[in-house]
Amino acid sequence: MEINELEARIQMLKDKNNTVAFKALQELEQISDETGALYGYTGEFADMIGSENYGVRVRGFRLFCRQAKWDKDNVIDENIDAALRILKDDKPTAVRQALAALADVVRFKPDLRETVRSAVSNINYLRYKDTMHSLIAKDIQELLLMIQALELGNGV
């Protein structure tokens, strides 16, 4: 995919039409899994996490985490504290998607595991609707178990 096409897809992440934005997210996540073509946009993804728009925040966070595999310049490390604020989002679905996305960070950035573990352990999931408590608690537990397995050398 050409650079202008990548940049067009990145702009689509902010589209008011969630279907268009989600399709762009899926395409960009696939590209991120296969190549480091989007690594140069990691700072832009980090900036998206501060958006007023819930969808933009989540899409930015997911792509930010996806770049961990390619992070040779420690851009993830430099932005992780600000990015992890999404774990206190008002929307429980944002928190759940963030917890899932953090798997890439803990897998590819061993030095950030303790930072992630601490942030995840401090999530107050009781502030959300009762129906979300067990789901978020399960997501937290899965990520903490993944970190533990990676630290024990039982790669995930």
C-alpha atoms as a PDB file:
ATOM      1  CA  MET A   1       0.000   0.000   0.000  1.00  0.00           C
ATOM      2  CA  GLU A   2       1.373   3.424  -0.989  1.00  0.00           C
ATOM      3  CA  ILE A   3       2.101   6.104   1.613  1.00  0.00           C
ATOM      4  CA  ASN A   4      -0.802   8.304   0.449  1.00  0.00           C
ATOM      5  CA  GLU A   5      -3.126   5.294   0.753  1.00  0.00           C
ATOM      6  CA  LEU A   6      -1.879   4.638   4.293  1.00  0.00           C
ATOM      7  CA  GLU A   7      -2.391   8.276   5.219  1.00  0.00           C
ATOM      8  CA  ALA A   8      -5.886   8.208   3.719  1.00  0.00           C
ATOM      9  CA  ARG A   9      -6.718   5.118   5.827  1.00  0.00           C
ATOM     10  CA  ILE A  10      -5.338   6.827   8.936  1.00  0.00           C
ATOM     11  CA  GLN A  11      -7.610   9.819   8.259  1.00  0.00           C
ATOM     12  CA  MET A  12     -10.543   7.402   7.878  1.00  0.00           C
ATOM     13  CA  LEU A  13      -9.966   6.345  11.502  1.00  0.00           C
ATOM     14  CA  LYS A  14     -11.483   9.707  12.445  1.00  0.00           C
ATOM     15  CA  ASP A  15     -14.463   9.413  10.084  1.00  0.00           C
ATOM     16  CA  LYS A  16     -17.858  10.169  11.630  1.00  0.00           C
ATOM     17  CA  ASN A  17     -19.169   7.017   9.955  1.00  0.00           C
ATOM     18  CA  ASN A  18     -18.116   4.258  12.362  1.00  0.00           C
ATOM     19  CA  THR A  19     -18.407   1.583   9.668  1.00  0.00           C
ATOM     20  CA  VAL A  20     -15.848   3.393   7.498  1.00  0.00           C
ATOM     21  CA  ALA A  21     -13.583   4.041  10.497  1.00  0.00           C
ATOM     22  CA  PHE A  22     -13.765   0.441  11.734  1.00  0.00           C
ATOM     23  CA  LYS A  23     -12.978  -0.965   8.288  1.00  0.00           C
ATOM     24  CA  ALA A  24      -9.920   1.318   8.115  1.00  0.00           C
ATOM     25  CA  LEU A  25      -8.887   0.133  11.600  1.00  0.00           C
ATOM     26  CA  GLN A  26      -9.095  -3.515  10.571  1.00  0.00           C
ATOM     27  CA  GLU A  27      -7.028  -2.893   7.440  1.00  0.00           C
ATOM     28  CA  LEU A  28      -4.406  -0.922   9.368  1.00  0.00           C
ATOM     29  CA  GLU A  29      -4.217  -3.566  12.100  1.00  0.00           C
ATOM     30  CA  GLN A  30      -3.569  -6.229   9.485  1.00  0.00           C
ATOM     31  CA  ILE A  31      -0.835  -4.098   7.901  1.00  0.00           C
ATOM     32  CA  SER A  32       0.659  -3.540  11.374  1.00  0.00           C
ATOM     33  CA  ASP A  33       0.768  -7.279  11.995  1.00  0.00           C
ATOM     34  CA  GLU A  34       2.618  -7.897   8.735  1.00  0.00           C
ATOM     35  CA  THR A  35       4.959  -4.912   8.324  1.00  0.00           C
ATOM     36  CA  GLY A  36       6.342  -1.877  10.111  1.00  0.00           C
ATOM     37  CA  ALA A  37       4.855   0.444   7.467  1.00  0.00           C
ATOM     38  CA  LEU A  38       2.762   2.287  10.073  1.00  0.00           C
ATOM     39  CA  TYR A  39       5.454   2.587  12.732  1.00  0.00           C
ATOM     40  CA  GLY A  40       6.223   6.169  11.685  1.00  0.00           C
ATOM     41  CA  TYR A  41       2.657   7.093  12.670  1.00  0.00           C
ATOM     42  CA  THR A  42       2.936   5.792  16.254  1.00  0.00           C
ATOM     43  CA  GLY A  43       3.035   9.344  17.639  1.00  0.00           C
ATOM     44  CA  GLU A  44      -0.118  10.198  15.710  1.00  0.00           C
ATOM     45  CA  PHE A  45      -1.850   7.111  17.130  1.00  0.00           C
ATOM     46  CA  ALA A  46      -0.756   8.215  20.619  1.00  0.00           C
ATOM     47  CA  ASP A  47      -2.280  11.654  19.993  1.00  0.00           C
ATOM     48  CA  MET A  48      -5.574  10.039  18.953  1.00  0.00           C
ATOM     49  CA  ILE A  49      -5.863   8.469  22.418  1.00  0.00           C
ATOM     50  CA  GLY A  50      -6.516  11.950  23.809  1.00  0.00           C
ATOM     51  CA  SER A  51      -9.479  12.552  21.480  1.00  0.00           C
ATOM     52  CA  GLU A  52     -12.870  13.603  22.819  1.00  0.00           C
ATOM     53  CA  ASN A  53     -14.385  10.966  20.535  1.00  0.00           C
ATOM     54  CA  TYR A  54     -14.571   7.515  22.115  1.00  0.00           C
ATOM     55  CA  GLY A  55     -14.127   5.666  18.819  1.00  0.00           C
ATOM     56  CA  VAL A  56     -11.069   7.688  17.839  1.00  0.00           C
ATOM     57  CA  ARG A  57      -9.504   7.069  21.291  1.00  0.00           C
ATOM     58  CA  VAL A  58      -9.972   3.325  21.012  1.00  0.00           C
ATOM     59  CA  ARG A  59      -8.805   3.070  17.409  1.00  0.00           C
ATOM     60  CA  GLY A  60      -5.735   5.166  18.233  1.00  0.00           C
ATOM     61  CA  PHE A  61      -4.905   2.992  21.241  1.00  0.00           C
ATOM     62  CA  ARG A  62      -5.310  -0.255  19.337  1.00  0.00           C
ATOM     63  CA  LEU A  63      -2.972   0.903  16.569  1.00  0.00           C
ATOM     64  CA  PHE A  64      -0.544   2.429  19.081  1.00  0.00           C
ATOM     65  CA  CYS A  65      -0.217  -0.972  20.773  1.00  0.00           C
ATOM     66  CA  ARG A  66       0.084  -2.771  17.428  1.00  0.00           C
ATOM     67  CA  GLN A  67       3.301  -0.842  16.734  1.00  0.00           C
ATOM     68  CA  ALA A  68       5.059  -2.422  19.743  1.00  0.00           C
ATOM     69  CA  LYS A  69       6.405  -5.153  17.475  1.00  0.00           C
ATOM     70  CA  TRP A  70       8.253  -2.531  15.395  1.00  0.00           C
ATOM     71  CA  ASP A  71       9.216  -0.079  18.164  1.00  0.00           C
ATOM     72  CA  LYS A  72      12.971   0.256  17.716  1.00  0.00           C
ATOM     73  CA  ASP A  73      13.026   3.921  18.846  1.00  0.00           C
ATOM     74  CA  ASN A  74      11.039   3.388  22.075  1.00  0.00           C
ATOM     75  CA  VAL A  75       8.142   5.595  20.979  1.00  0.00           C
ATOM     76  CA  ILE A  76       5.785   3.270  22.879  1.00  0.00           C
ATOM     77  CA  ASP A  77       7.897   3.627  26.031  1.00  0.00           C
ATOM     78  CA  GLU A  78       7.874   7.426  25.776  1.00  0.00           C
ATOM     79  CA  ASN A  79       4.079   7.574  25.422  1.00  0.00           C
ATOM     80  CA  ILE A  80       2.918   4.617  27.520  1.00  0.00           C
ATOM     81  CA  ASP A  81       1.972   6.571  30.656  1.00  0.00           C
ATOM     82  CA  ALA A  82      -0.293   8.953  28.743  1.00  0.00           C
ATOM     83  CA  ALA A  83      -1.693   6.103  26.636  1.00  0.00           C
ATOM     84  CA  LEU A  84      -2.586   4.011  29.682  1.00  0.00           C
ATOM     85  CA  ARG A  85      -5.023   6.718  30.809  1.00  0.00           C
ATOM     86  CA  ILE A  86      -7.507   4.976  28.523  1.00  0.00           C
ATOM     87  CA  LEU A  87      -7.779   2.348  31.271  1.00  0.00           C
ATOM     88  CA  LYS A  88      -9.751   4.968  33.235  1.00  0.00           C
ATOM     89  CA  ASP A  89     -12.092   5.728  30.325  1.00  0.00           C
ATOM     90  CA  ASP A  90     -15.764   6.369  31.088  1.00  0.00           C
ATOM     91  CA  LYS A  91     -16.701   3.758  28.497  1.00  0.00           C
ATOM     92  CA  PRO A  92     -16.204   0.177  29.711  1.00  0.00           C
ATOM     93  CA  THR A  93     -15.939  -1.045  26.120  1.00  0.00           C
ATOM     94  CA  ALA A  94     -12.932   1.272  25.659  1.00  0.00           C
ATOM     95  CA  VAL A  95     -11.285  -0.331  28.687  1.00  0.00           C
ATOM     96  CA  ARG A  96     -12.005  -3.843  27.413  1.00  0.00           C
ATOM     97  CA  GLN A  97     -10.571  -3.106  23.972  1.00  0.00           C
ATOM     98  CA  ALA A  98      -7.535  -1.449  25.570  1.00  0.00           C
ATOM     99  CA  LEU A  99      -6.895  -4.507  27.743  1.00  0.00           C
ATOM    100  CA  ALA A 100      -6.993  -6.739  24.665  1.00  0.00           C
ATOM    101  CA  ALA A 101      -4.676  -4.412  22.719  1.00  0.00           C
ATOM    102  CA  LEU A 102      -2.110  -4.370  25.534  1.00  0.00           C
ATOM    103  CA  ALA A 103      -1.261  -7.993  24.707  1.00  0.00           C
ATOM    104  CA  ASP A 104       0.973  -6.675  21.904  1.00  0.00           C
ATOM    105  CA  VAL A 105       2.782  -4.325  24.271  1.00  0.00           C
ATOM    106  CA  VAL A 106       3.531  -6.959  26.906  1.00  0.00           C
ATOM    107  CA  ARG A 107       4.538  -9.489  24.237  1.00  0.00           C
ATOM    108  CA  PHE A 108       6.982  -7.246  22.377  1.00  0.00           C
ATOM    109  CA  LYS A 109       8.070  -4.741  25.062  1.00  0.00           C
ATOM    110  CA  PRO A 110       9.256  -6.738  28.104  1.00  0.00           C
ATOM    111  CA  ASP A 111      10.510  -3.579  29.832  1.00  0.00           C
ATOM    112  CA  LEU A 112       6.946  -2.238  29.943  1.00  0.00           C
ATOM    113  CA  ARG A 113       5.351  -5.289  31.553  1.00  0.00           C
ATOM    114  CA  GLU A 114       5.616  -3.905  35.076  1.00  0.00           C
ATOM    115  CA  THR A 115       4.168  -0.541  33.993  1.00  0.00           C
ATOM    116  CA  VAL A 116       1.256  -2.314  32.317  1.00  0.00           C
ATOM    117  CA  ARG A 117       0.768  -4.712  35.246  1.00  0.00           C
ATOM    118  CA  SER A 118       0.590  -1.799  37.676  1.00  0.00           C
ATOM    119  CA  ALA A 119      -1.871   0.197  35.548  1.00  0.00           C
ATOM    120  CA  VAL A 120      -4.075  -2.832  34.916  1.00  0.00           C
ATOM    121  CA  SER A 121      -4.057  -3.831  38.587  1.00  0.00           C
ATOM    122  CA  ASN A 122      -5.337  -0.369  39.504  1.00  0.00           C
ATOM    123  CA  ILE A 123      -8.410  -0.453  37.257  1.00  0.00           C
ATOM    124  CA  ASN A 124     -11.560   0.199  39.275  1.00  0.00           C
ATOM    125  CA  TYR A 125     -14.016  -1.883  37.262  1.00  0.00           C
ATOM    126  CA  LEU A 126     -16.709  -1.481  39.934  1.00  0.00           C
ATOM    127  CA  ARG A 127     -17.383   2.035  38.602  1.00  0.00           C
ATOM    128  CA  TYR A 128     -19.054   0.525  35.528  1.00  0.00           C
ATOM    129  CA  LYS A 129     -22.466  -1.106  35.165  1.00  0.00           C
ATOM    130  CA  ASP A 130     -22.828  -4.399  37.027  1.00  0.00           C
ATOM    131  CA  THR A 131     -23.027  -6.311  33.759  1.00  0.00           C
ATOM    132  CA  MET A 132     -19.481  -5.183  32.895  1.00  0.00           C
ATOM    133  CA  HIS A 133     -17.779  -6.063  36.211  1.00  0.00           C
ATOM    134  CA  SER A 134     -17.100  -9.721  35.507  1.00  0.00           C
ATOM    135  CA  LEU A 135     -16.134  -9.069  31.873  1.00  0.00           C
ATOM    136  CA  ILE A 136     -13.532  -6.442  32.760  1.00  0.00           C
ATOM    137  CA  ALA A 137     -12.282  -8.523  35.703  1.00  0.00           C
ATOM    138  CA  LYS A 138     -11.810 -11.476  33.329  1.00  0.00           C
ATOM    139  CA  ASP A 139      -9.963  -9.294  30.798  1.00  0.00           C
ATOM    140  CA  ILE A 140      -7.670  -8.004  33.563  1.00  0.00           C
ATOM    141  CA  GLN A 141      -6.986 -11.534  34.787  1.00  0.00           C
ATOM    142  CA  GLU A 142      -6.188 -12.776  31.267  1.00  0.00           C
ATOM    143  CA  LEU A 143      -3.683  -9.981  30.671  1.00  0.00           C
ATOM    144  CA  LEU A 144      -2.029 -10.478  34.071  1.00  0.00           C
ATOM    145  CA  LEU A 145      -1.747 -14.220  33.402  1.00  0.00           C
ATOM    146  CA  MET A 146      -0.223 -13.483  30.007  1.00  0.00           C
ATOM    147  CA  ILE A 147       2.393 -11.225  31.613  1.00  0.00           C
ATOM    148  CA  GLN A 148       3.159 -13.924  34.169  1.00  0.00           C
ATOM    149  CA  ALA A 149       3.517 -16.601  31.470  1.00  0.00           C
ATOM    150  CA  LEU A 150       5.820 -14.377  29.406  1.00  0.00           C
ATOM    151  CA  GLU A 151       7.983 -13.669  32.443  1.00  0.00           C
ATOM    152  CA  LEU A 152       8.242 -17.377  33.200  1.00  0.00           C
ATOM    153  CA  GLY A 153       9.363 -17.979  29.639  1.00  0.00           C
ATOM    154  CA  ASN A 154       6.179 -19.747  28.599  1.00  0.00           C
ATOM    155  CA  GLY A 155       5.740 -17.384  25.635  1.00  0.00           C
ATOM    156  CA  VAL A 156       2.220 -16.643  24.535  1.00  0.00           C
END
